[in-house]
Amino acid sequence: MKLATTLFGELEIEQKQIVEFPLGLPGFADEQRFVFLPIPDSPFFSMQSVTSELQFFVMNPFELFKDYEFKIPGSSIELLQLSEPESVATWVILTLKDELANSTANMQAPIIVNSQTRIGKQLVLEHYQMRQPIFTMPPLALLG
């Protein structure tokens, strides 16, 4: 299928690339289908809706925050149809600023994807910040 993206223009994607979010995302209940598109030469991805122009910049939080941890609630494990920890992919939504050094990651609401079933859900955690600065080191160290 063809997908019009704001970042990459028109792309051809396959059905198996689509991640289904049965409950949508908090604040975007109607947005239930996304693809994760890598942004070249960076640790960032575009989480692009398949049904609208909505997109988020995301990244694997463990690339920057090695001690980031949380427990996935049983109801979410059931929804995601998780049976093994190796199937879990974790993303956090980024707020990228014009001055990249001021960019933040939403550590409070990670996006969990079962890479086997392609089902996703955004969790809401109480013990992490919504605006965690992502650069504790110079941004260029991450990009390249």
Foldseek 3Di string as FASTA:
>chain_A
DWAAEPPPGIDDDDPLQKAAACQAAVVGRVQGIWGWADDPLFQWTWTAGRPDHDIFIKGQCCVQDVPQDDDDDPVVCVQQVDDDPVQKGKMWTKDADPPRQQIFTQSQWIKIHRSVVSYIYTDGHDPDHGGHGRPPDPPVVRRD
